[in-house]
Amino acid sequence: MVWLLPETLWITAATFFLRGRNHCQILDEYEPFLQLIGPSRAIVFDSPVIFEIELKLKGATNSKDRPLFTDTFQYKGTYGGLCTPLSNDRCTVTLSFEELCETVQATILSVRVSQGPWPFENGCRVAACTDSSNAKLVLLESFDPLVPDGDGNYLDLPRRVVSVGLKGWLHVYVWADTETAAPLYSSTDRRGVVSFAPKLGGVSQDTCVVGDSTVEVIVAWSLVLRTDTILAKGHLRDNARA
């Protein structure tokens, strides 16, 4: 499991990855990335942050489980993209993250098929990126058939929160896999994208075409909040970094 712990007593640790042995993830050279589920809100950075990582190898029984990687990393701040490799004698874990200034929080409220057939019977990927970074934040990835979540043809996103710079745009990409041997995301005919200008509050909505279907994306905007500042001072703190 992997989680992030700010060095303040009043902010709860943010979980990025947490799985029990009955719901473990299989990693190999083709799929080396952990399927993250968080954070559930933007992380405000104004003091050192500690990443704590514990990964295990699943055995035939509980007693056969073996430690794979256990380590901590203290992040003290840097601008721009950052990849930090952490190694032991069994593997290397790379942390990739980015610090942004003057941001708002975008919460992807829903991604649903509003018109046409369900296009995700062979797999799906939903990812987001901003103008400040070329890296795509994966919100959902599945190589197995997906079924709608609820009556409204919704995709069930394990991640929903993206930090967006006030001077940039948020881009949300939706891919649908096909039955062909071509790898997922190799073609643009089964990919749609919507772009949103950031707001200080409110909701944005737009649609894109994925194959023969129309997909609707709804995003809610909010300020990045500091829990301790609100409780102690009763107002928001300016110029927070996320």
C-alpha atoms as a PDB file:
ATOM      1  CA  MET A   1       0.000   0.000   0.000  1.00  0.00           C
ATOM      2  CA  VAL A   2       1.102   3.565  -0.655  1.00  0.00           C
ATOM      3  CA  TRP A   3       0.011   6.698   1.113  1.00  0.00           C
ATOM      4  CA  LEU A   4       1.081  10.304   1.562  1.00  0.00           C
ATOM      5  CA  LEU A   5       1.370  11.909   4.985  1.00  0.00           C
ATOM      6  CA  PRO A   6       1.728  15.695   5.336  1.00  0.00           C
ATOM      7  CA  GLU A   7       3.750  16.716   8.370  1.00  0.00           C
ATOM      8  CA  THR A   8       0.840  18.441  10.080  1.00  0.00           C
ATOM      9  CA  LEU A   9      -1.309  17.035  12.845  1.00  0.00           C
ATOM     10  CA  TRP A  10      -4.598  18.305  11.504  1.00  0.00           C
ATOM     11  CA  ILE A  11      -4.542  17.006   7.962  1.00  0.00           C
ATOM     12  CA  THR A  12      -5.512  13.373   7.424  1.00  0.00           C
ATOM     13  CA  ALA A  13      -3.173  11.155   5.425  1.00  0.00           C
ATOM     14  CA  ALA A  14      -4.147  10.860   1.758  1.00  0.00           C
ATOM     15  CA  THR A  15      -4.293   7.324   0.397  1.00  0.00           C
ATOM     16  CA  PHE A  16      -3.032   6.775  -3.151  1.00  0.00           C
ATOM     17  CA  PHE A  17      -2.985   2.981  -3.356  1.00  0.00           C
ATOM     18  CA  LEU A  18      -4.497   0.409  -1.005  1.00  0.00           C
ATOM     19  CA  ARG A  19      -5.296  -3.227  -1.791  1.00  0.00           C
ATOM     20  CA  GLY A  20      -5.796  -6.381   0.233  1.00  0.00           C
ATOM     21  CA  ARG A  21      -4.410  -9.732  -0.872  1.00  0.00           C
ATOM     22  CA  ASN A  22      -7.823 -10.798  -2.245  1.00  0.00           C
ATOM     23  CA  HIS A  23      -7.817  -7.807  -4.598  1.00  0.00           C
ATOM     24  CA  CYS A  24      -4.150  -7.654  -5.526  1.00  0.00           C
ATOM     25  CA  GLN A  25      -2.810  -6.110  -8.725  1.00  0.00           C
ATOM     26  CA  ILE A  26      -0.669  -8.069 -11.187  1.00  0.00           C
ATOM     27  CA  LEU A  27       2.378  -6.123 -12.411  1.00  0.00           C
ATOM     28  CA  ASP A  28       4.657  -7.043 -15.306  1.00  0.00           C
ATOM     29  CA  GLU A  29       6.931  -5.368 -17.849  1.00  0.00           C
ATOM     30  CA  TYR A  30       3.917  -4.359 -19.948  1.00  0.00           C
ATOM     31  CA  GLU A  31       1.844  -3.022 -17.028  1.00  0.00           C
ATOM     32  CA  PRO A  32       4.300  -1.731 -14.387  1.00  0.00           C
ATOM     33  CA  PHE A  33       2.105   1.085 -13.030  1.00  0.00           C
ATOM     34  CA  LEU A  34       0.106   0.879  -9.818  1.00  0.00           C
ATOM     35  CA  GLN A  35      -3.575   1.678 -10.341  1.00  0.00           C
ATOM     36  CA  LEU A  36      -3.928   4.620  -7.976  1.00  0.00           C
ATOM     37  CA  ILE A  37      -7.217   5.552  -6.323  1.00  0.00           C
ATOM     38  CA  GLY A  38      -6.320   8.959  -4.920  1.00  0.00           C
ATOM     39  CA  PRO A  39      -5.873  11.501  -3.644  1.00  0.00           C
ATOM     40  CA  SER A  40      -9.507  12.402  -3.067  1.00  0.00           C
ATOM     41  CA  ARG A  41      -8.650  16.112  -2.938  1.00  0.00           C
ATOM     42  CA  ALA A  42      -5.760  18.365  -3.927  1.00  0.00           C
ATOM     43  CA  ILE A  43      -2.741  18.180  -1.604  1.00  0.00           C
ATOM     44  CA  VAL A  44      -1.622  21.614  -0.417  1.00  0.00           C
ATOM     45  CA  PHE A  45       2.136  21.775   0.031  1.00  0.00           C
ATOM     46  CA  ASP A  46       3.725  24.359   2.332  1.00  0.00           C
ATOM     47  CA  SER A  47       5.912  22.068   4.467  1.00  0.00           C
ATOM     48  CA  PRO A  48       7.810  18.805   3.851  1.00  0.00           C
ATOM     49  CA  VAL A  49       5.626  15.873   2.850  1.00  0.00           C
ATOM     50  CA  ILE A  50       6.422  12.226   3.563  1.00  0.00           C
ATOM     51  CA  PHE A  51       5.588   9.421   1.136  1.00  0.00           C
ATOM     52  CA  GLU A  52       5.338   6.044   2.849  1.00  0.00           C
ATOM     53  CA  ILE A  53       5.382   2.931   0.661  1.00  0.00           C
ATOM     54  CA  GLU A  54       4.794  -0.709   1.537  1.00  0.00           C
ATOM     55  CA  LEU A  55       4.431  -3.337  -1.185  1.00  0.00           C
ATOM     56  CA  LYS A  56       4.132  -7.106  -0.766  1.00  0.00           C
ATOM     57  CA  LEU A  57       4.306 -10.149  -3.036  1.00  0.00           C
ATOM     58  CA  LYS A  58       1.293 -12.437  -2.738  1.00  0.00           C
ATOM     59  CA  GLY A  59       2.037 -16.074  -1.990  1.00  0.00           C
ATOM     60  CA  ALA A  60      -0.149 -19.167  -2.030  1.00  0.00           C
ATOM     61  CA  THR A  61      -1.225 -18.414   1.575  1.00  0.00           C
ATOM     62  CA  ASN A  62      -0.888 -15.523   4.016  1.00  0.00           C
ATOM     63  CA  SER A  63       2.202 -17.113   5.516  1.00  0.00           C
ATOM     64  CA  LYS A  64       3.783 -17.264   2.050  1.00  0.00           C
ATOM     65  CA  ASP A  65       3.399 -13.513   1.408  1.00  0.00           C
ATOM     66  CA  ARG A  66       6.761 -11.731   1.166  1.00  0.00           C
ATOM     67  CA  PRO A  67       7.786  -8.074   1.546  1.00  0.00           C
ATOM     68  CA  LEU A  68       8.752  -6.514  -1.782  1.00  0.00           C
ATOM     69  CA  PHE A  69       9.432  -2.873  -0.979  1.00  0.00           C
ATOM     70  CA  THR A  70       9.216  -0.685   2.136  1.00  0.00           C
ATOM     71  CA  ASP A  71      10.573   2.857   2.221  1.00  0.00           C
ATOM     72  CA  THR A  72       9.812   6.514   2.931  1.00  0.00           C
ATOM     73  CA  PHE A  73      10.629   9.611   0.918  1.00  0.00           C
ATOM     74  CA  GLN A  74      10.501  13.217   2.114  1.00  0.00           C
ATOM     75  CA  TYR A  75       9.470  15.771  -0.474  1.00  0.00           C
ATOM     76  CA  LYS A  76      10.711  19.294   0.320  1.00  0.00           C
ATOM     77  CA  GLY A  77       9.547  21.081  -2.768  1.00  0.00           C
ATOM     78  CA  THR A  78      10.577  21.756  -6.331  1.00  0.00           C
ATOM     79  CA  TYR A  79       8.895  23.349  -9.329  1.00  0.00           C
ATOM     80  CA  GLY A  80       8.199  21.419 -12.497  1.00  0.00           C
ATOM     81  CA  GLY A  81       7.933  17.691 -13.023  1.00  0.00           C
ATOM     82  CA  LEU A  82       9.824  15.299 -10.772  1.00  0.00           C
ATOM     83  CA  CYS A  83      10.530  11.574 -10.960  1.00  0.00           C
ATOM     84  CA  THR A  84      12.190  10.015  -7.928  1.00  0.00           C
ATOM     85  CA  PRO A  85      13.496   6.419  -8.102  1.00  0.00           C
ATOM     86  CA  LEU A  86      13.657   4.462  -4.836  1.00  0.00           C
ATOM     87  CA  SER A  87      15.443   1.105  -4.885  1.00  0.00           C
ATOM     88  CA  ASN A  88      16.233  -1.947  -2.814  1.00  0.00           C
ATOM     89  CA  ASP A  89      17.796  -5.290  -3.765  1.00  0.00           C
ATOM     90  CA  ARG A  90      14.481  -6.556  -5.220  1.00  0.00           C
ATOM     91  CA  CYS A  91      12.982  -3.703  -7.235  1.00  0.00           C
ATOM     92  CA  THR A  92      12.897   0.007  -8.022  1.00  0.00           C
ATOM     93  CA  VAL A  93       9.837   2.165  -7.345  1.00  0.00           C
ATOM     94  CA  THR A  94       9.589   5.494  -9.187  1.00  0.00           C
ATOM     95  CA  LEU A  95       7.451   8.312  -7.765  1.00  0.00           C
ATOM     96  CA  SER A  96       6.230  10.811 -10.361  1.00  0.00           C
ATOM     97  CA  PHE A  97       4.556  14.024  -9.242  1.00  0.00           C
ATOM     98  CA  GLU A  98       4.405  17.724  -9.980  1.00  0.00           C
ATOM     99  CA  GLU A  99       4.057  20.907  -7.947  1.00  0.00           C
ATOM    100  CA  LEU A 100       1.742  23.602  -9.299  1.00  0.00           C
ATOM    101  CA  CYS A 101       1.122  27.198  -8.244  1.00  0.00           C
ATOM    102  CA  GLU A 102      -2.151  29.148  -8.321  1.00  0.00           C
ATOM    103  CA  THR A 103      -4.402  26.186  -8.913  1.00  0.00           C
ATOM    104  CA  VAL A 104      -8.017  25.221  -8.474  1.00  0.00           C
ATOM    105  CA  GLN A 105      -9.418  21.758  -7.864  1.00  0.00           C
ATOM    106  CA  ALA A 106     -11.332  20.000 -10.627  1.00  0.00           C
ATOM    107  CA  THR A 107     -13.524  17.075  -9.575  1.00  0.00           C
ATOM    108  CA  ILE A 108     -14.771  14.866 -12.409  1.00  0.00           C
ATOM    109  CA  LEU A 109     -18.374  14.395 -11.304  1.00  0.00           C
ATOM    110  CA  SER A 110     -19.374  12.037 -14.085  1.00  0.00           C
ATOM    111  CA  VAL A 111     -18.430  10.485 -17.401  1.00  0.00           C
ATOM    112  CA  ARG A 112     -21.393   8.850 -19.130  1.00  0.00           C
ATOM    113  CA  VAL A 113     -22.623   7.732 -22.523  1.00  0.00           C
ATOM    114  CA  SER A 114     -25.424  10.181 -23.313  1.00  0.00           C
ATOM    115  CA  GLN A 115     -26.231   8.945 -26.833  1.00  0.00           C
ATOM    116  CA  GLY A 116     -25.524   5.823 -28.846  1.00  0.00           C
ATOM    117  CA  PRO A 117     -24.443   2.290 -27.915  1.00  0.00           C
ATOM    118  CA  TRP A 118     -22.210   1.424 -24.973  1.00  0.00           C
ATOM    119  CA  PRO A 119     -18.677   1.591 -26.503  1.00  0.00           C
ATOM    120  CA  PHE A 120     -16.636   0.090 -23.659  1.00  0.00           C
ATOM    121  CA  GLU A 121     -17.439  -3.605 -24.036  1.00  0.00           C
ATOM    122  CA  ASN A 122     -13.747  -4.356 -24.704  1.00  0.00           C
ATOM    123  CA  GLY A 123     -12.029  -1.948 -22.334  1.00  0.00           C
ATOM    124  CA  CYS A 124     -11.699   1.733 -21.564  1.00  0.00           C
ATOM    125  CA  ARG A 125      -9.315   4.417 -20.450  1.00  0.00           C
ATOM    126  CA  VAL A 126     -10.124   7.868 -19.036  1.00  0.00           C
ATOM    127  CA  ALA A 127      -7.237  10.273 -18.462  1.00  0.00           C
ATOM    128  CA  ALA A 128      -6.757  13.971 -17.768  1.00  0.00           C
ATOM    129  CA  CYS A 129      -3.949  16.431 -18.369  1.00  0.00           C
ATOM    130  CA  THR A 130      -3.397  20.178 -18.092  1.00  0.00           C
ATOM    131  CA  ASP A 131      -1.525  22.731 -20.174  1.00  0.00           C
ATOM    132  CA  SER A 132       1.225  22.845 -17.536  1.00  0.00           C
ATOM    133  CA  SER A 133       2.071  19.158 -17.958  1.00  0.00           C
ATOM    134  CA  ASN A 134       2.164  16.711 -20.864  1.00  0.00           C
ATOM    135  CA  ALA A 135       1.761  13.761 -18.502  1.00  0.00           C
ATOM    136  CA  LYS A 136      -1.713  12.242 -18.429  1.00  0.00           C
ATOM    137  CA  LEU A 137      -3.318  11.430 -15.087  1.00  0.00           C
ATOM    138  CA  VAL A 138      -5.131   8.102 -15.477  1.00  0.00           C
ATOM    139  CA  LEU A 139      -8.585   8.211 -13.864  1.00  0.00           C
ATOM    140  CA  LEU A 140      -9.789   4.819 -15.119  1.00  0.00           C
ATOM    141  CA  GLU A 141      -8.115   2.005 -17.012  1.00  0.00           C
ATOM    142  CA  SER A 142      -9.539  -1.404 -17.794  1.00  0.00           C
ATOM    143  CA  PHE A 143      -8.668  -4.002 -20.407  1.00  0.00           C
ATOM    144  CA  ASP A 144     -11.740  -6.038 -19.491  1.00  0.00           C
ATOM    145  CA  PRO A 145     -15.354  -5.446 -20.548  1.00  0.00           C
ATOM    146  CA  LEU A 146     -17.051  -2.679 -18.579  1.00  0.00           C
ATOM    147  CA  VAL A 147     -20.723  -2.440 -17.702  1.00  0.00           C
ATOM    148  CA  PRO A 148     -22.549   0.834 -16.990  1.00  0.00           C
ATOM    149  CA  ASP A 149     -22.607   2.027 -13.381  1.00  0.00           C
ATOM    150  CA  GLY A 150     -26.279   2.754 -12.677  1.00  0.00           C
ATOM    151  CA  ASP A 151     -29.122   3.514 -15.062  1.00  0.00           C
ATOM    152  CA  GLY A 152     -27.463   6.519 -16.693  1.00  0.00           C
ATOM    153  CA  ASN A 153     -24.643   4.711 -18.552  1.00  0.00           C
ATOM    154  CA  TYR A 154     -21.971   6.071 -16.199  1.00  0.00           C
ATOM    155  CA  LEU A 155     -18.339   5.007 -15.930  1.00  0.00           C
ATOM    156  CA  ASP A 156     -17.207   4.267 -12.371  1.00  0.00           C
ATOM    157  CA  LEU A 157     -14.030   6.351 -11.908  1.00  0.00           C
ATOM    158  CA  PRO A 158     -11.661   5.296  -9.077  1.00  0.00           C
ATOM    159  CA  ARG A 159      -9.937   8.704  -9.315  1.00  0.00           C
ATOM    160  CA  ARG A 160     -11.698  12.023  -9.855  1.00  0.00           C
ATOM    161  CA  VAL A 161      -9.565  14.950  -8.620  1.00  0.00           C
ATOM    162  CA  VAL A 162      -7.157  16.995 -10.766  1.00  0.00           C
ATOM    163  CA  SER A 163      -5.267  20.190  -9.849  1.00  0.00           C
ATOM    164  CA  VAL A 164      -5.493  22.739 -12.673  1.00  0.00           C
ATOM    165  CA  GLY A 165      -3.485  25.942 -13.050  1.00  0.00           C
ATOM    166  CA  LEU A 166      -5.604  29.062 -13.355  1.00  0.00           C
ATOM    167  CA  LYS A 167      -3.830  30.049 -16.577  1.00  0.00           C
ATOM    168  CA  GLY A 168      -4.225  26.674 -18.280  1.00  0.00           C
ATOM    169  CA  TRP A 169      -6.899  24.259 -19.457  1.00  0.00           C
ATOM    170  CA  LEU A 170      -8.099  20.859 -18.309  1.00  0.00           C
ATOM    171  CA  HIS A 171      -8.295  18.174 -21.009  1.00  0.00           C
ATOM    172  CA  VAL A 172     -10.198  14.929 -20.373  1.00  0.00           C
ATOM    173  CA  TYR A 173      -9.576  12.029 -22.789  1.00  0.00           C
ATOM    174  CA  VAL A 174     -11.849   9.001 -23.197  1.00  0.00           C
ATOM    175  CA  TRP A 175     -10.668   5.901 -25.108  1.00  0.00           C
ATOM    176  CA  ALA A 176     -12.660   2.797 -26.012  1.00  0.00           C
ATOM    177  CA  ASP A 177     -10.860  -0.426 -26.910  1.00  0.00           C
ATOM    178  CA  THR A 178     -11.764  -2.543 -29.940  1.00  0.00           C
ATOM    179  CA  GLU A 179     -11.842  -6.255 -30.671  1.00  0.00           C
ATOM    180  CA  THR A 180      -8.875  -5.960 -33.039  1.00  0.00           C
ATOM    181  CA  ALA A 181      -5.309  -6.850 -32.155  1.00  0.00           C
ATOM    182  CA  ALA A 182      -4.331  -3.175 -32.196  1.00  0.00           C
ATOM    183  CA  PRO A 183      -3.351  -1.943 -28.728  1.00  0.00           C
ATOM    184  CA  LEU A 184      -5.642   0.313 -26.770  1.00  0.00           C
ATOM    185  CA  TYR A 185      -5.165   4.057 -27.452  1.00  0.00           C
ATOM    186  CA  SER A 186      -3.328   3.459 -30.768  1.00  0.00           C
ATOM    187  CA  SER A 187      -6.151   4.944 -32.847  1.00  0.00           C
ATOM    188  CA  THR A 188      -7.990   8.253 -32.632  1.00  0.00           C
ATOM    189  CA  ASP A 189     -11.269   6.963 -34.121  1.00  0.00           C
ATOM    190  CA  ARG A 190     -12.233   5.524 -30.725  1.00  0.00           C
ATOM    191  CA  ARG A 191     -10.986   8.467 -28.692  1.00  0.00           C
ATOM    192  CA  GLY A 192     -12.743  11.633 -27.607  1.00  0.00           C
ATOM    193  CA  VAL A 193     -11.494  14.691 -25.745  1.00  0.00           C
ATOM    194  CA  VAL A 194     -13.175  17.611 -23.975  1.00  0.00           C
ATOM    195  CA  SER A 195     -11.396  20.746 -22.753  1.00  0.00           C
ATOM    196  CA  PHE A 196     -12.414  23.079 -19.946  1.00  0.00           C
ATOM    197  CA  ALA A 197     -11.193  26.515 -18.869  1.00  0.00           C
ATOM    198  CA  PRO A 198     -10.654  26.587 -15.081  1.00  0.00           C
ATOM    199  CA  LYS A 199     -13.118  28.363 -12.804  1.00  0.00           C
ATOM    200  CA  LEU A 200     -13.067  29.429  -9.159  1.00  0.00           C
ATOM    201  CA  GLY A 201     -16.347  27.585  -8.640  1.00  0.00           C
ATOM    202  CA  GLY A 202     -19.336  26.115 -10.398  1.00  0.00           C
ATOM    203  CA  VAL A 203     -19.748  23.311 -12.917  1.00  0.00           C
ATOM    204  CA  SER A 204     -18.577  22.764 -16.510  1.00  0.00           C
ATOM    205  CA  GLN A 205     -20.118  20.317 -18.966  1.00  0.00           C
ATOM    206  CA  ASP A 206     -19.242  19.191 -22.494  1.00  0.00           C
ATOM    207  CA  THR A 207     -19.487  16.183 -24.805  1.00  0.00           C
ATOM    208  CA  CYS A 208     -17.213  14.321 -27.204  1.00  0.00           C
ATOM    209  CA  VAL A 209     -17.636  11.523 -29.738  1.00  0.00           C
ATOM    210  CA  VAL A 210     -16.150   8.087 -29.014  1.00  0.00           C
ATOM    211  CA  GLY A 211     -16.745   5.700 -31.909  1.00  0.00           C
ATOM    212  CA  ASP A 212     -20.470   5.849 -32.647  1.00  0.00           C
ATOM    213  CA  SER A 213     -21.391   7.233 -29.220  1.00  0.00           C
ATOM    214  CA  THR A 214     -21.570  10.590 -27.479  1.00  0.00           C
ATOM    215  CA  VAL A 215     -19.875  10.809 -24.082  1.00  0.00           C
ATOM    216  CA  GLU A 216     -20.740  13.556 -21.589  1.00  0.00           C
ATOM    217  CA  VAL A 217     -18.200  14.837 -19.033  1.00  0.00           C
ATOM    218  CA  ILE A 218     -19.204  17.019 -16.054  1.00  0.00           C
ATOM    219  CA  VAL A 219     -16.585  18.779 -13.906  1.00  0.00           C
ATOM    220  CA  ALA A 220     -17.067  20.672 -10.618  1.00  0.00           C
ATOM    221  CA  TRP A 221     -14.621  23.448  -9.697  1.00  0.00           C
ATOM    222  CA  SER A 222     -13.547  24.553  -6.231  1.00  0.00           C
ATOM    223  CA  LEU A 223     -10.790  26.424  -4.449  1.00  0.00           C
ATOM    224  CA  VAL A 224      -7.954  24.427  -2.912  1.00  0.00           C
ATOM    225  CA  LEU A 225      -8.697  24.437   0.811  1.00  0.00           C
ATOM    226  CA  ARG A 226      -6.399  24.156   3.792  1.00  0.00           C
ATOM    227  CA  THR A 227      -8.262  22.450   6.631  1.00  0.00           C
ATOM    228  CA  ASP A 228      -6.083  23.915   9.383  1.00  0.00           C
ATOM    229  CA  THR A 229      -6.356  27.472   8.049  1.00  0.00           C
ATOM    230  CA  ILE A 230     -10.144  27.323   7.854  1.00  0.00           C
ATOM    231  CA  LEU A 231     -10.508  25.937  11.369  1.00  0.00           C
ATOM    232  CA  ALA A 232      -7.987  28.245  13.009  1.00  0.00           C
ATOM    233  CA  LYS A 233      -8.504  31.497  11.111  1.00  0.00           C
ATOM    234  CA  GLY A 234     -11.952  31.149   9.615  1.00  0.00           C
ATOM    235  CA  HIS A 235     -10.881  32.121   6.103  1.00  0.00           C
ATOM    236  CA  LEU A 236      -8.998  30.765   3.120  1.00  0.00           C
ATOM    237  CA  ARG A 237      -5.281  31.130   2.696  1.00  0.00           C
ATOM    238  CA  ASP A 238      -3.983  32.827  -0.447  1.00  0.00           C
ATOM    239  CA  ASN A 239      -1.320  31.565  -2.869  1.00  0.00           C
ATOM    240  CA  ALA A 240      -1.439  27.945  -1.756  1.00  0.00           C
ATOM    241  CA  ARG A 241       0.573  25.459  -3.779  1.00  0.00           C
ATOM    242  CA  ALA A 242      -0.879  22.110  -4.798  1.00  0.00           C
END
